C-alpha atoms as a PDB file:
ATOM      1  CA  MET A   1     -22.510 -13.988  12.609  1.00  0.00           C
ATOM      2  CA  GLU A   2     -19.752 -16.541  12.959  1.00  0.00           C
ATOM      3  CA  TRP A   3     -19.669 -17.551   9.278  1.00  0.00           C
ATOM      4  CA  VAL A   4     -19.332 -13.896   8.216  1.00  0.00           C
ATOM      5  CA  ASN A   5     -16.325 -13.466  10.520  1.00  0.00           C
ATOM      6  CA  GLN A   6     -14.790 -16.626   9.128  1.00  0.00           C
ATOM      7  CA  LEU A   7     -15.325 -15.402   5.575  1.00  0.00           C
ATOM      8  CA  LEU A   8     -13.950 -11.891   6.177  1.00  0.00           C
ATOM      9  CA  TRP A   9     -11.082 -12.598   8.547  1.00  0.00           C
ATOM     10  CA  VAL A  10      -9.956 -16.097   7.524  1.00  0.00           C
ATOM     11  CA  VAL A  11     -11.021 -17.028   3.989  1.00  0.00           C
ATOM     12  CA  PHE A  12     -10.654 -13.597   2.382  1.00  0.00           C
ATOM     13  CA  PRO A  13      -7.104 -12.830   3.688  1.00  0.00           C
ATOM     14  CA  TYR A  14      -5.783 -16.270   2.722  1.00  0.00           C
ATOM     15  CA  LEU A  15      -7.431 -15.984  -0.715  1.00  0.00           C
ATOM     16  CA  CYS A  16      -5.820 -12.580  -1.288  1.00  0.00           C
ATOM     17  CA  ILE A  17      -2.386 -13.851  -0.223  1.00  0.00           C
ATOM     18  CA  ALA A  18      -2.711 -16.866  -2.536  1.00  0.00           C
ATOM     19  CA  ILE A  19      -3.717 -14.671  -5.495  1.00  0.00           C
ATOM     20  CA  PHE A  20      -0.823 -12.302  -4.717  1.00  0.00           C
ATOM     21  CA  ILE A  21       1.747 -15.119  -4.806  1.00  0.00           C
ATOM     22  CA  PHE A  22       0.468 -17.243  -7.706  1.00  0.00           C
ATOM     23  CA  GLY A  23      -0.736 -14.204  -9.672  1.00  0.00           C
ATOM     24  CA  HIS A  24       2.794 -12.814  -9.712  1.00  0.00           C
ATOM     25  CA  ILE A  25       4.205 -16.147 -10.870  1.00  0.00           C
ATOM     26  CA  TYR A  26       1.632 -16.362 -13.671  1.00  0.00           C
ATOM     27  CA  ARG A  27       2.101 -12.736 -14.741  1.00  0.00           C
ATOM     28  CA  TYR A  28       5.880 -13.065 -14.831  1.00  0.00           C
ATOM     29  CA  ARG A  29       5.723 -16.255 -16.907  1.00  0.00           C
ATOM     30  CA  VAL A  30       3.218 -15.111 -19.516  1.00  0.00           C
ATOM     31  CA  ASP A  31       3.294 -11.302 -19.591  1.00  0.00           C
ATOM     32  CA  GLN A  32       6.787  -9.952 -18.910  1.00  0.00           C
ATOM     33  CA  PHE A  33       6.471  -7.515 -21.816  1.00  0.00           C
ATOM     34  CA  HIS A  34       3.779  -5.536 -19.972  1.00  0.00           C
ATOM     35  CA  TRP A  35       5.625  -5.617 -16.602  1.00  0.00           C
ATOM     36  CA  THR A  36       5.804  -1.830 -16.549  1.00  0.00           C
ATOM     37  CA  ALA A  37       4.335   1.295 -14.971  1.00  0.00           C
ATOM     38  CA  LYS A  38       3.376   2.813 -18.366  1.00  0.00           C
ATOM     39  CA  SER A  39       4.530   6.318 -17.507  1.00  0.00           C
ATOM     40  CA  SER A  40       2.408   9.249 -18.649  1.00  0.00           C
ATOM     41  CA  GLU A  41       5.137  11.776 -17.907  1.00  0.00           C
ATOM     42  CA  PHE A  42       5.270  12.929 -21.537  1.00  0.00           C
ATOM     43  CA  ILE A  43       1.647  14.099 -21.249  1.00  0.00           C
ATOM     44  CA  GLU A  44       1.862  15.961 -17.942  1.00  0.00           C
ATOM     45  CA  LYS A  45       4.896  16.244 -15.705  1.00  0.00           C
ATOM     46  CA  LYS A  46       4.362  18.760 -12.883  1.00  0.00           C
ATOM     47  CA  GLN A  47       1.456  17.088 -11.035  1.00  0.00           C
ATOM     48  CA  LEU A  48       3.031  13.673 -11.597  1.00  0.00           C
ATOM     49  CA  MET A  49       6.317  14.781 -10.075  1.00  0.00           C
ATOM     50  CA  ILE A  50       4.747  16.419  -7.016  1.00  0.00           C
ATOM     51  CA  GLY A  51       2.207  13.689  -6.365  1.00  0.00           C
ATOM     52  CA  SER A  52       4.671  10.843  -6.920  1.00  0.00           C
ATOM     53  CA  LEU A  53       7.307  12.480  -4.701  1.00  0.00           C
ATOM     54  CA  LEU A  54       4.863  13.032  -1.826  1.00  0.00           C
ATOM     55  CA  PHE A  55       3.428   9.523  -2.130  1.00  0.00           C
ATOM     56  CA  HIS A  56       6.768   7.726  -2.234  1.00  0.00           C
ATOM     57  CA  LEU A  57       8.349   9.799   0.557  1.00  0.00           C
ATOM     58  CA  GLY A  58       5.314   9.113   2.700  1.00  0.00           C
ATOM     59  CA  ILE A  59       4.584   5.483   1.936  1.00  0.00           C
ATOM     60  CA  ILE A  60       8.041   4.166   2.946  1.00  0.00           C
ATOM     61  CA  PRO A  61       7.812   5.333   6.602  1.00  0.00           C
ATOM     62  CA  VAL A  62       4.141   4.301   6.628  1.00  0.00           C
ATOM     63  CA  PHE A  63       5.100   0.815   5.462  1.00  0.00           C
ATOM     64  CA  PHE A  64       7.714   0.392   8.185  1.00  0.00           C
ATOM     65  CA  GLY A  65       5.267   1.820  10.709  1.00  0.00           C
ATOM     66  CA  HIS A  66       2.794  -0.929   9.740  1.00  0.00           C
ATOM     67  CA  VAL A  67       5.555  -3.533  10.061  1.00  0.00           C
ATOM     68  CA  GLY A  68       6.400  -2.254  13.543  1.00  0.00           C
ATOM     69  CA  GLY A  69       2.755  -2.106  14.634  1.00  0.00           C
ATOM     70  CA  LEU A  70       1.589  -5.402  13.173  1.00  0.00           C
ATOM     71  CA  ALA A  71       4.584  -7.722  13.145  1.00  0.00           C
ATOM     72  CA  ILE A  72       6.333  -6.731  16.378  1.00  0.00           C
ATOM     73  CA  PRO A  73       4.505  -7.808  19.567  1.00  0.00           C
ATOM     74  CA  LYS A  74       3.689  -5.158  22.139  1.00  0.00           C
ATOM     75  CA  GLU A  75       5.819  -6.922  24.759  1.00  0.00           C
ATOM     76  CA  TRP A  76       8.889  -6.756  22.511  1.00  0.00           C
ATOM     77  CA  MET A  77       8.443  -2.996  22.244  1.00  0.00           C
ATOM     78  CA  HIS A  78       8.320  -2.752  26.026  1.00  0.00           C
ATOM     79  CA  ALA A  79      11.494  -4.797  26.251  1.00  0.00           C
ATOM     80  CA  LEU A  80      13.178  -2.301  23.932  1.00  0.00           C
ATOM     81  CA  GLY A  81      12.149   0.575  26.197  1.00  0.00           C
ATOM     82  CA  VAL A  82       9.247   1.805  24.031  1.00  0.00           C
ATOM     83  CA  ASN A  83       6.270   2.172  26.409  1.00  0.00           C
ATOM     84  CA  ASP A  84       2.662   2.599  25.268  1.00  0.00           C
ATOM     85  CA  HIS A  85       2.705   6.397  25.595  1.00  0.00           C
ATOM     86  CA  LEU A  86       5.861   6.768  23.492  1.00  0.00           C
ATOM     87  CA  TYR A  87       4.517   4.329  20.914  1.00  0.00           C
ATOM     88  CA  HIS A  88       1.225   6.221  20.731  1.00  0.00           C
ATOM     89  CA  ILE A  89       3.024   9.511  20.111  1.00  0.00           C
ATOM     90  CA  GLY A  90       5.053   7.977  17.310  1.00  0.00           C
ATOM     91  CA  ALA A  91       2.049   6.239  15.740  1.00  0.00           C
ATOM     92  CA  VAL A  92      -0.302   9.255  15.860  1.00  0.00           C
ATOM     93  CA  TYR A  93       2.009  12.206  15.267  1.00  0.00           C
ATOM     94  CA  ILE A  94       4.883  10.824  13.215  1.00  0.00           C
ATOM     95  CA  GLY A  95       2.693   8.233  11.489  1.00  0.00           C
ATOM     96  CA  GLY A  96       0.012  10.867  10.945  1.00  0.00           C
ATOM     97  CA  PHE A  97       2.501  13.248   9.343  1.00  0.00           C
ATOM     98  CA  PHE A  98       3.757  10.702   6.842  1.00  0.00           C
ATOM     99  CA  GLY A  99       0.236   9.360   6.355  1.00  0.00           C
ATOM    100  CA  PHE A 100      -0.988  12.846   5.435  1.00  0.00           C
ATOM    101  CA  MET A 101       1.922  13.180   3.034  1.00  0.00           C
ATOM    102  CA  THR A 102       0.922   9.881   1.409  1.00  0.00           C
ATOM    103  CA  LEU A 103      -2.720  10.912   1.246  1.00  0.00           C
ATOM    104  CA  LEU A 104      -1.899  14.264  -0.342  1.00  0.00           C
ATOM    105  CA  GLY A 105       0.279  12.542  -2.932  1.00  0.00           C
ATOM    106  CA  MET A 106      -2.492  10.051  -3.745  1.00  0.00           C
ATOM    107  CA  LEU A 107      -5.041  12.872  -4.018  1.00  0.00           C
ATOM    108  CA  ILE A 108      -2.866  14.660  -6.560  1.00  0.00           C
ATOM    109  CA  LEU A 109      -2.131  11.493  -8.583  1.00  0.00           C
ATOM    110  CA  THR A 110      -5.788  10.413  -8.578  1.00  0.00           C
ATOM    111  CA  PHE A 111      -7.056  13.875  -9.478  1.00  0.00           C
ATOM    112  CA  ARG A 112      -4.526  13.992 -12.310  1.00  0.00           C
ATOM    113  CA  ARG A 113      -5.506  10.599 -13.690  1.00  0.00           C
ATOM    114  CA  PHE A 114      -9.264  11.264 -13.651  1.00  0.00           C
ATOM    115  CA  THR A 115      -9.355  14.910 -14.727  1.00  0.00           C
ATOM    116  CA  LEU A 116      -6.636  15.243 -17.383  1.00  0.00           C
ATOM    117  CA  LYS A 117      -8.241  14.051 -20.601  1.00  0.00           C
ATOM    118  CA  ASN A 118      -5.120  12.626 -22.262  1.00  0.00           C
ATOM    119  CA  VAL A 119      -3.918  10.901 -19.086  1.00  0.00           C
ATOM    120  CA  ARG A 120      -7.353   9.324 -18.628  1.00  0.00           C
ATOM    121  CA  ARG A 121      -7.328   8.098 -22.216  1.00  0.00           C
ATOM    122  CA  LEU A 122      -3.986   6.453 -21.651  1.00  0.00           C
ATOM    123  CA  SER A 123      -5.246   4.790 -18.437  1.00  0.00           C
ATOM    124  CA  SER A 124      -6.775   1.350 -18.368  1.00  0.00           C
ATOM    125  CA  PHE A 125      -9.657   0.373 -16.108  1.00  0.00           C
ATOM    126  CA  SER A 126      -7.166  -1.273 -13.732  1.00  0.00           C
ATOM    127  CA  ASP A 127      -5.170   1.982 -13.503  1.00  0.00           C
ATOM    128  CA  LEU A 128      -8.261   3.924 -12.468  1.00  0.00           C
ATOM    129  CA  ALA A 129      -9.379   1.186 -10.053  1.00  0.00           C
ATOM    130  CA  VAL A 130      -5.947   0.938  -8.399  1.00  0.00           C
ATOM    131  CA  ASN A 131      -5.666   4.725  -7.968  1.00  0.00           C
ATOM    132  CA  SER A 132      -9.150   4.853  -6.400  1.00  0.00           C
ATOM    133  CA  LEU A 133      -8.533   1.871  -4.131  1.00  0.00           C
ATOM    134  CA  LEU A 134      -5.156   3.154  -2.942  1.00  0.00           C
ATOM    135  CA  LEU A 135      -6.677   6.546  -2.207  1.00  0.00           C
ATOM    136  CA  PHE A 136      -9.442   4.893  -0.185  1.00  0.00           C
ATOM    137  CA  ILE A 137      -6.987   2.687   1.733  1.00  0.00           C
ATOM    138  CA  VAL A 138      -4.781   5.647   2.679  1.00  0.00           C
ATOM    139  CA  PHE A 139      -7.830   7.741   3.619  1.00  0.00           C
ATOM    140  CA  MET A 140      -9.212   5.003   5.862  1.00  0.00           C
ATOM    141  CA  GLY A 141      -5.788   4.542   7.449  1.00  0.00           C
ATOM    142  CA  MET A 142      -5.604   8.249   8.240  1.00  0.00           C
ATOM    143  CA  TYR A 143      -9.178   8.274   9.516  1.00  0.00           C
ATOM    144  CA  ALA A 144      -8.489   5.322  11.805  1.00  0.00           C
ATOM    145  CA  THR A 145      -5.258   6.870  13.083  1.00  0.00           C
ATOM    146  CA  VAL A 146      -6.546  10.397  13.699  1.00  0.00           C
ATOM    147  CA  VAL A 147     -10.301  10.170  14.215  1.00  0.00           C
ATOM    148  CA  THR A 148     -11.022   6.642  15.521  1.00  0.00           C
ATOM    149  CA  ASN A 149      -8.108   6.712  17.943  1.00  0.00           C
ATOM    150  CA  ALA A 150      -9.428  10.028  19.332  1.00  0.00           C
ATOM    151  CA  ILE A 151     -13.040   8.808  19.635  1.00  0.00           C
ATOM    152  CA  GLN A 152     -12.148   5.328  20.963  1.00  0.00           C
ATOM    153  CA  PRO A 153      -8.861   5.790  22.849  1.00  0.00           C
ATOM    154  CA  GLU A 154      -9.493   2.574  24.787  1.00  0.00           C
ATOM    155  CA  PHE A 155      -9.118   0.468  21.618  1.00  0.00           C
ATOM    156  CA  ASP A 156      -5.596  -0.923  21.187  1.00  0.00           C
ATOM    157  CA  TYR A 157      -5.056  -2.487  17.773  1.00  0.00           C
ATOM    158  CA  ARG A 158      -1.813  -4.096  18.987  1.00  0.00           C
ATOM    159  CA  GLU A 159      -3.901  -6.352  21.256  1.00  0.00           C
ATOM    160  CA  THR A 160      -6.435  -7.232  18.586  1.00  0.00           C
ATOM    161  CA  ILE A 161      -5.583  -6.558  14.925  1.00  0.00           C
ATOM    162  CA  SER A 162      -1.846  -7.169  15.342  1.00  0.00           C
ATOM    163  CA  VAL A 163      -2.394 -10.473  17.154  1.00  0.00           C
ATOM    164  CA  TRP A 164      -4.883 -11.587  14.462  1.00  0.00           C
ATOM    165  CA  PHE A 165      -2.486 -10.567  11.707  1.00  0.00           C
ATOM    166  CA  ARG A 166       0.485 -12.473  13.144  1.00  0.00           C
ATOM    167  CA  ASN A 167      -1.652 -15.533  13.778  1.00  0.00           C
ATOM    168  CA  LEU A 168      -2.634 -15.659  10.108  1.00  0.00           C
ATOM    169  CA  PHE A 169       0.961 -16.540   9.219  1.00  0.00           C
ATOM    170  CA  ILE A 170       1.190 -19.347  11.737  1.00  0.00           C
ATOM    171  CA  PHE A 171      -2.129 -20.750  10.461  1.00  0.00           C
ATOM    172  CA  ASN A 172      -3.954 -20.048  13.684  1.00  0.00           C
ATOM    173  CA  PRO A 173      -6.439 -17.304  12.670  1.00  0.00           C
ATOM    174  CA  MET A 174      -8.538 -15.752  15.397  1.00  0.00           C
ATOM    175  CA  PRO A 175     -11.416 -13.968  13.648  1.00  0.00           C
ATOM    176  CA  SER A 176     -13.059 -12.979  16.936  1.00  0.00           C
ATOM    177  CA  LEU A 177     -10.263 -10.438  17.491  1.00  0.00           C
ATOM    178  CA  MET A 178     -11.229  -8.576  14.315  1.00  0.00           C
ATOM    179  CA  ALA A 179     -14.982  -8.767  15.036  1.00  0.00           C
ATOM    180  CA  ALA A 180     -14.478  -6.320  17.910  1.00  0.00           C
ATOM    181  CA  ALA A 181     -12.411  -3.818  15.929  1.00  0.00           C
ATOM    182  CA  PRO A 182     -13.885  -0.423  14.899  1.00  0.00           C
ATOM    183  CA  LEU A 183     -15.327  -0.196  11.394  1.00  0.00           C
ATOM    184  CA  SER A 184     -12.610   2.169  10.103  1.00  0.00           C
ATOM    185  CA  PHE A 185      -9.900  -0.336  11.000  1.00  0.00           C
ATOM    186  CA  LYS A 186     -11.898  -3.171   9.416  1.00  0.00           C
ATOM    187  CA  MET A 187     -12.297  -1.229   6.171  1.00  0.00           C
ATOM    188  CA  HIS A 188      -8.596  -0.379   6.121  1.00  0.00           C
ATOM    189  CA  VAL A 189      -7.612  -4.013   6.628  1.00  0.00           C
ATOM    190  CA  LEU A 190     -10.051  -5.478   4.112  1.00  0.00           C
ATOM    191  CA  THR A 191      -9.138  -3.020   1.351  1.00  0.00           C
ATOM    192  CA  GLY A 192      -5.478  -3.508   2.177  1.00  0.00           C
ATOM    193  CA  PHE A 193      -5.773  -7.224   1.501  1.00  0.00           C
ATOM    194  CA  ALA A 194      -7.860  -6.494  -1.614  1.00  0.00           C
ATOM    195  CA  ILE A 195      -5.060  -4.420  -3.136  1.00  0.00           C
ATOM    196  CA  PHE A 196      -2.722  -7.386  -2.663  1.00  0.00           C
ATOM    197  CA  ALA A 197      -5.147  -9.512  -4.693  1.00  0.00           C
ATOM    198  CA  PHE A 198      -5.275  -6.921  -7.501  1.00  0.00           C
ATOM    199  CA  TRP A 199      -1.506  -6.292  -7.393  1.00  0.00           C
ATOM    200  CA  PRO A 200      -0.229  -8.971  -9.858  1.00  0.00           C
ATOM    201  CA  PHE A 201      -2.638  -7.832 -12.595  1.00  0.00           C
ATOM    202  CA  THR A 202      -1.958  -4.083 -12.448  1.00  0.00           C
ATOM    203  CA  ARG A 203       0.865  -1.610 -12.948  1.00  0.00           C
ATOM    204  CA  LEU A 204       1.827  -2.161  -9.271  1.00  0.00           C
ATOM    205  CA  VAL A 205       4.073  -5.007 -10.386  1.00  0.00           C
ATOM    206  CA  HIS A 206       6.668  -2.389 -11.350  1.00  0.00           C
ATOM    207  CA  VAL A 207       7.533  -2.169  -7.642  1.00  0.00           C
ATOM    208  CA  TRP A 208       9.549  -5.383  -8.039  1.00  0.00           C
ATOM    209  CA  SER A 209      11.444  -4.139 -11.105  1.00  0.00           C
ATOM    210  CA  VAL A 210      14.511  -2.820  -9.347  1.00  0.00           C
ATOM    211  CA  PRO A 211      17.017  -1.811 -12.052  1.00  0.00           C
ATOM    212  CA  LEU A 212      20.066  -3.377 -10.381  1.00  0.00           C
ATOM    213  CA  ASN A 213      21.673  -4.114 -13.769  1.00  0.00           C
ATOM    214  CA  TYR A 214      21.959  -0.365 -14.382  1.00  0.00           C
ATOM    215  CA  VAL A 215      24.836  -0.176 -11.897  1.00  0.00           C
ATOM    216  CA  GLY A 216      27.189  -2.440 -13.833  1.00  0.00           C
ATOM    217  CA  ARG A 217      26.021  -2.012 -17.410  1.00  0.00           C
ATOM    218  CA  SER A 218      28.147  -0.204 -20.013  1.00  0.00           C
ATOM    219  CA  TYR A 219      27.450   3.346 -21.023  1.00  0.00           C
ATOM    220  CA  ILE A 220      25.183   3.914 -23.994  1.00  0.00           C
ATOM    221  CA  LEU A 221      26.947   6.010 -26.605  1.00  0.00           C
ATOM    222  CA  TYR A 222      25.021   8.451 -28.746  1.00  0.00           C
ATOM    223  CA  ARG A 223      26.648   9.798 -31.885  1.00  0.00           C
ATOM    224  CA  ARG A 224      25.395  12.628 -34.024  1.00  0.00           C
ATOM    225  CA  HIS A 225      24.497  11.571 -37.501  1.00  0.00           C
ATOM    226  CA  LYS A 226      26.163  13.761 -40.099  1.00  0.00           C
ATOM    227  CA  ARG A 227      24.114  14.372 -43.174  1.00  0.00           C
ATOM    228  CA  THR A 228      25.895  13.899 -46.437  1.00  0.00           C
ATOM    229  CA  ASN A 229      24.828  15.658 -49.622  1.00  0.00           C
END
């Protein structure tokens, strides 16, 4: 139905973007003290190190792959000498490799948070929800890339989802483009926008806390305290 498409592919994305922007402003103004990732490294270190390393090494190429696929028009890629076959190889094989790395990292981190008793006690509801949602988003992205692309090779998201996505930012949404997309892509997109709405109110805000002041700050001196009798 038309109103459902309008709700899912126009109202919901704009609402999530608005919450993302104004939620960060509100959180920064009233809750800077809790602008942190609340590390649980002192409870368990090995799984955290492996999972975090895999996730962060995978998510950076995945992010730039999404930028290339969504923000850069197909015709621009052709002008740069990247034809459809070459792009498909990069998206499926290279993107699939880093996507699997990200998924494995999220599996380890989510398993750790839910199964280790002391880590779970330290976790808030938002921590558990964010871990679960991120795991689902990455899983659906991998499913869409590997399975849906194999089952429906005729579907080209650069002619549908990418066009819809770019048009959102010029205030000319075209929900009909998303209506024809496979379910796995729809779920990936909707949950992706949902995580942006949750972002300002969770530990994900630590992404913006780049410690640039560490470069120029003075050394911290530690001196041994000598006991006197």
